[in-house]
Protein backbone atom coordinates (compact mmCIF):
# COMPACT_ATOMS: atom_id res chain seq x y z
CA MET A 1 -10.66 -79.45 -27.66
CA PRO A 2 -10.91 -75.56 -28.63
CA GLU A 3 -12.65 -73.01 -26.54
CA ILE A 4 -16.25 -73.33 -27.54
CA LYS A 5 -17.85 -69.81 -27.80
CA ASP A 6 -21.49 -70.73 -28.30
CA PRO A 7 -22.12 -74.29 -27.03
CA GLU A 8 -25.72 -74.17 -27.98
CA ASN A 9 -24.66 -73.94 -31.59
CA THR A 10 -21.51 -76.32 -31.47
CA ILE A 11 -21.64 -79.87 -32.43
CA ILE A 12 -19.48 -82.73 -30.80
CA MET A 13 -19.40 -85.69 -33.37
CA THR A 14 -17.27 -88.60 -31.83
CA LEU A 15 -15.64 -90.70 -34.65
CA LYS A 16 -13.45 -93.90 -33.85
CA ASP A 17 -10.25 -91.61 -33.72
CA GLY A 18 -11.79 -88.78 -31.50
CA ASP A 19 -14.04 -85.87 -31.39
CA VAL A 20 -14.83 -83.50 -33.95
CA VAL A 21 -16.18 -80.19 -33.08
CA ILE A 22 -18.20 -78.35 -35.55
CA GLU A 23 -19.58 -74.64 -35.26
CA LEU A 24 -23.01 -74.34 -36.56
CA LEU A 25 -24.07 -71.13 -38.40
CA PRO A 26 -27.45 -70.21 -37.42
CA ASP A 27 -26.97 -66.66 -38.58
CA VAL A 28 -26.57 -67.97 -42.15
CA ALA A 29 -28.63 -71.25 -42.23
CA PRO A 30 -30.97 -71.22 -39.22
CA LYS A 31 -33.16 -73.92 -40.50
CA HIS A 32 -30.48 -76.47 -41.08
CA SER A 33 -28.74 -75.41 -38.12
CA GLU A 34 -31.76 -76.11 -35.99
CA ARG A 35 -32.39 -79.44 -37.70
CA MET A 36 -29.12 -80.85 -37.00
CA LYS A 37 -29.48 -80.00 -33.49
CA GLU A 38 -32.89 -81.63 -33.17
CA LEU A 39 -31.65 -84.72 -34.72
CA ALA A 40 -28.67 -84.76 -32.42
CA ARG A 41 -30.67 -84.20 -29.31
CA ALA A 42 -32.75 -87.19 -30.49
CA GLY A 43 -29.96 -89.40 -30.96
CA LYS A 44 -30.92 -90.14 -34.57
CA TYR A 45 -27.11 -89.50 -35.69
CA ASP A 46 -25.71 -91.82 -33.14
CA ASN A 47 -24.25 -95.01 -35.26
CA VAL A 48 -24.98 -93.70 -38.61
CA ALA A 49 -22.52 -94.71 -41.37
CA PHE A 50 -20.48 -92.55 -43.76
CA HIS A 51 -21.98 -94.14 -46.65
CA ARG A 52 -20.30 -92.04 -49.57
CA VAL A 53 -16.75 -90.91 -48.96
CA ILE A 54 -14.69 -89.62 -52.05
CA GLU A 55 -11.05 -89.08 -51.80
CA GLY A 56 -10.00 -85.40 -52.28
CA PHE A 57 -14.01 -84.33 -52.06
CA MET A 58 -16.04 -85.12 -49.26
CA ALA A 59 -17.36 -87.43 -46.89
CA GLN A 60 -21.37 -88.00 -46.59
CA THR A 61 -23.48 -89.36 -43.55
CA GLY A 62 -26.62 -88.45 -41.92
CA ASP A 63 -28.97 -90.92 -43.47
CA VAL A 64 -30.87 -91.49 -40.10
CA GLN A 65 -33.49 -93.89 -41.93
CA HIS A 66 -31.25 -96.39 -43.52
CA ALA A 67 -27.79 -96.30 -42.31
CA ASN A 68 -27.82 -96.54 -38.59
CA MET A 69 -25.45 -99.52 -38.17
CA GLU A 70 -27.01 -100.74 -34.94
CA ASN A 71 -30.32 -100.55 -36.34
CA SER A 72 -31.90 -101.79 -39.62
CA TYR A 73 -28.39 -100.81 -41.35
CA ASN A 74 -29.16 -101.41 -45.14
CA PRO A 75 -26.06 -100.64 -47.15
CA GLY A 76 -27.88 -100.68 -50.61
CA ARG A 77 -30.33 -98.10 -49.36
CA SER A 78 -27.92 -96.07 -47.44
CA GLY A 79 -27.96 -92.57 -48.76
CA THR A 80 -31.54 -92.66 -50.05
CA GLY A 81 -33.40 -91.83 -46.58
CA GLY A 82 -33.67 -88.90 -44.46
CA SER A 83 -35.52 -88.31 -41.20
CA ASP A 84 -39.27 -88.32 -40.41
CA LEU A 85 -39.24 -84.41 -40.44
CA PRO A 86 -40.03 -82.61 -43.42
CA ASP A 87 -37.39 -81.61 -46.02
CA LEU A 88 -35.72 -78.14 -45.68
CA PRO A 89 -35.90 -74.97 -48.03
CA ALA A 90 -32.47 -74.25 -49.38
CA GLU A 91 -30.47 -71.60 -47.31
CA PHE A 92 -27.89 -70.63 -49.97
CA SER A 93 -25.37 -68.06 -48.96
CA LYS A 94 -22.17 -66.34 -50.12
CA LEU A 95 -19.97 -68.57 -47.80
CA PRO A 96 -17.69 -70.84 -49.91
CA HIS A 97 -17.43 -74.49 -49.82
CA ASP A 98 -14.04 -74.67 -48.08
CA ARG A 99 -12.31 -77.40 -46.49
CA GLY A 100 -14.00 -78.41 -43.18
CA THR A 101 -17.36 -76.76 -44.04
CA LEU A 102 -20.64 -78.85 -43.70
CA GLY A 103 -22.93 -78.92 -46.54
CA ALA A 104 -26.44 -79.90 -46.57
CA ALA A 105 -26.61 -83.08 -49.02
CA ARG A 106 -29.93 -83.16 -51.34
CA SER A 107 -31.49 -84.44 -54.15
CA ALA A 108 -31.65 -82.61 -57.77
CA ASN A 109 -34.39 -80.52 -56.08
CA PRO A 110 -32.57 -77.72 -54.01
CA ASN A 111 -35.30 -77.65 -51.26
CA SER A 112 -34.91 -81.49 -50.60
CA ALA A 113 -32.29 -81.35 -47.72
CA ASN A 114 -33.37 -83.12 -44.34
CA SER A 115 -30.89 -85.14 -42.36
CA GLN A 116 -27.79 -86.15 -44.59
CA PHE A 117 -24.60 -83.60 -44.85
CA PHE A 118 -21.16 -83.84 -45.84
CA ILE A 119 -17.93 -82.47 -44.80
CA ASN A 120 -15.57 -81.11 -47.53
CA PHE A 121 -12.03 -82.61 -47.69
CA LYS A 122 -10.89 -79.60 -49.44
CA ASP A 123 -11.97 -76.48 -50.86
CA ASN A 124 -14.76 -77.27 -53.21
CA HIS A 125 -15.82 -74.21 -54.53
CA PHE A 126 -17.58 -75.56 -57.76
CA LEU A 127 -20.36 -76.43 -55.10
CA ASN A 128 -20.76 -72.82 -54.04
CA GLY A 129 -24.47 -71.32 -54.25
CA GLN A 130 -25.92 -74.99 -54.99
CA TYR A 131 -25.75 -76.41 -51.52
CA THR A 132 -26.33 -75.03 -48.33
CA VAL A 133 -23.21 -74.30 -45.91
CA TYR A 134 -24.33 -74.39 -42.43
CA GLY A 135 -21.18 -75.09 -40.28
CA ARG A 136 -17.56 -75.83 -40.08
CA VAL A 137 -15.06 -78.24 -38.48
CA ILE A 138 -13.02 -76.04 -35.86
CA SER A 139 -11.19 -79.22 -34.23
CA GLY A 140 -10.74 -82.63 -35.26
CA MET A 141 -10.50 -82.46 -39.05
CA ASP A 142 -7.72 -85.01 -38.94
CA HIS A 143 -10.13 -87.34 -37.64
CA VAL A 144 -12.60 -86.69 -40.62
CA ASP A 145 -9.49 -87.31 -42.79
CA ARG A 146 -9.32 -90.70 -41.60
CA ILE A 147 -12.69 -91.77 -42.32
CA ALA A 148 -12.80 -94.97 -44.49
CA ARG A 149 -13.25 -94.12 -48.62
CA GLY A 150 -15.78 -95.69 -50.87
CA GLU A 151 -19.30 -95.50 -52.32
CA PRO A 152 -20.05 -97.11 -50.11
CA PRO A 153 -16.91 -97.92 -48.31
CA ALA A 154 -16.36 -101.84 -47.89
CA SER A 155 -16.06 -101.27 -43.90
CA PRO A 156 -17.85 -98.28 -43.40
CA ASP A 157 -16.77 -95.61 -40.40
CA ARG A 158 -19.91 -94.31 -38.43
CA MET A 159 -20.77 -91.33 -36.31
CA ILE A 160 -20.49 -93.05 -32.85
CA SER A 161 -22.07 -90.13 -30.96
CA MET A 162 -23.40 -86.63 -32.19
CA LYS A 163 -24.22 -84.35 -29.22
CA VAL A 164 -24.94 -80.51 -28.58
CA ALA A 165 -22.19 -79.04 -26.70
CA ALA A 166 -24.43 -77.42 -24.48
CA ASP A 167 -26.16 -80.68 -23.48
CA ASP A 168 -22.64 -82.62 -23.12
CA VAL A 169 -22.27 -82.29 -19.04
């Protein structure tokens, strides 16, 4: 585990192969960073499937409405829902969509991000300025690389749990 400099803005996502440590970027995207912490603290991301995983591109998850594999999982609707909280305004920045960065998933409306996010498998600079970047993987990217592929995957992987490092005592 890497040294965690800011536990309040660090997420620990547990996958089948181990922990992924994510540094949130509240100075760049404060609303998105706060939303991830709020949903993680409420346990909303626990057991949520990676519903869209494209080789050489990204792994998408976070549909807390339809993709909880322990509670009303609906593979046909997975990826179409969000949380019961309001959508977030875009927080675009100059940060590039590099390998390991988190981007806010959304519809065609730039201000429609809610709970879903994706982790870039590689540098995806064609997304720059179009999707909010609000975190980066600082440890465990090898675990992300092993997430089952598919749209949706035949046997999807899930976030076993997601916690704010400051709360993980």
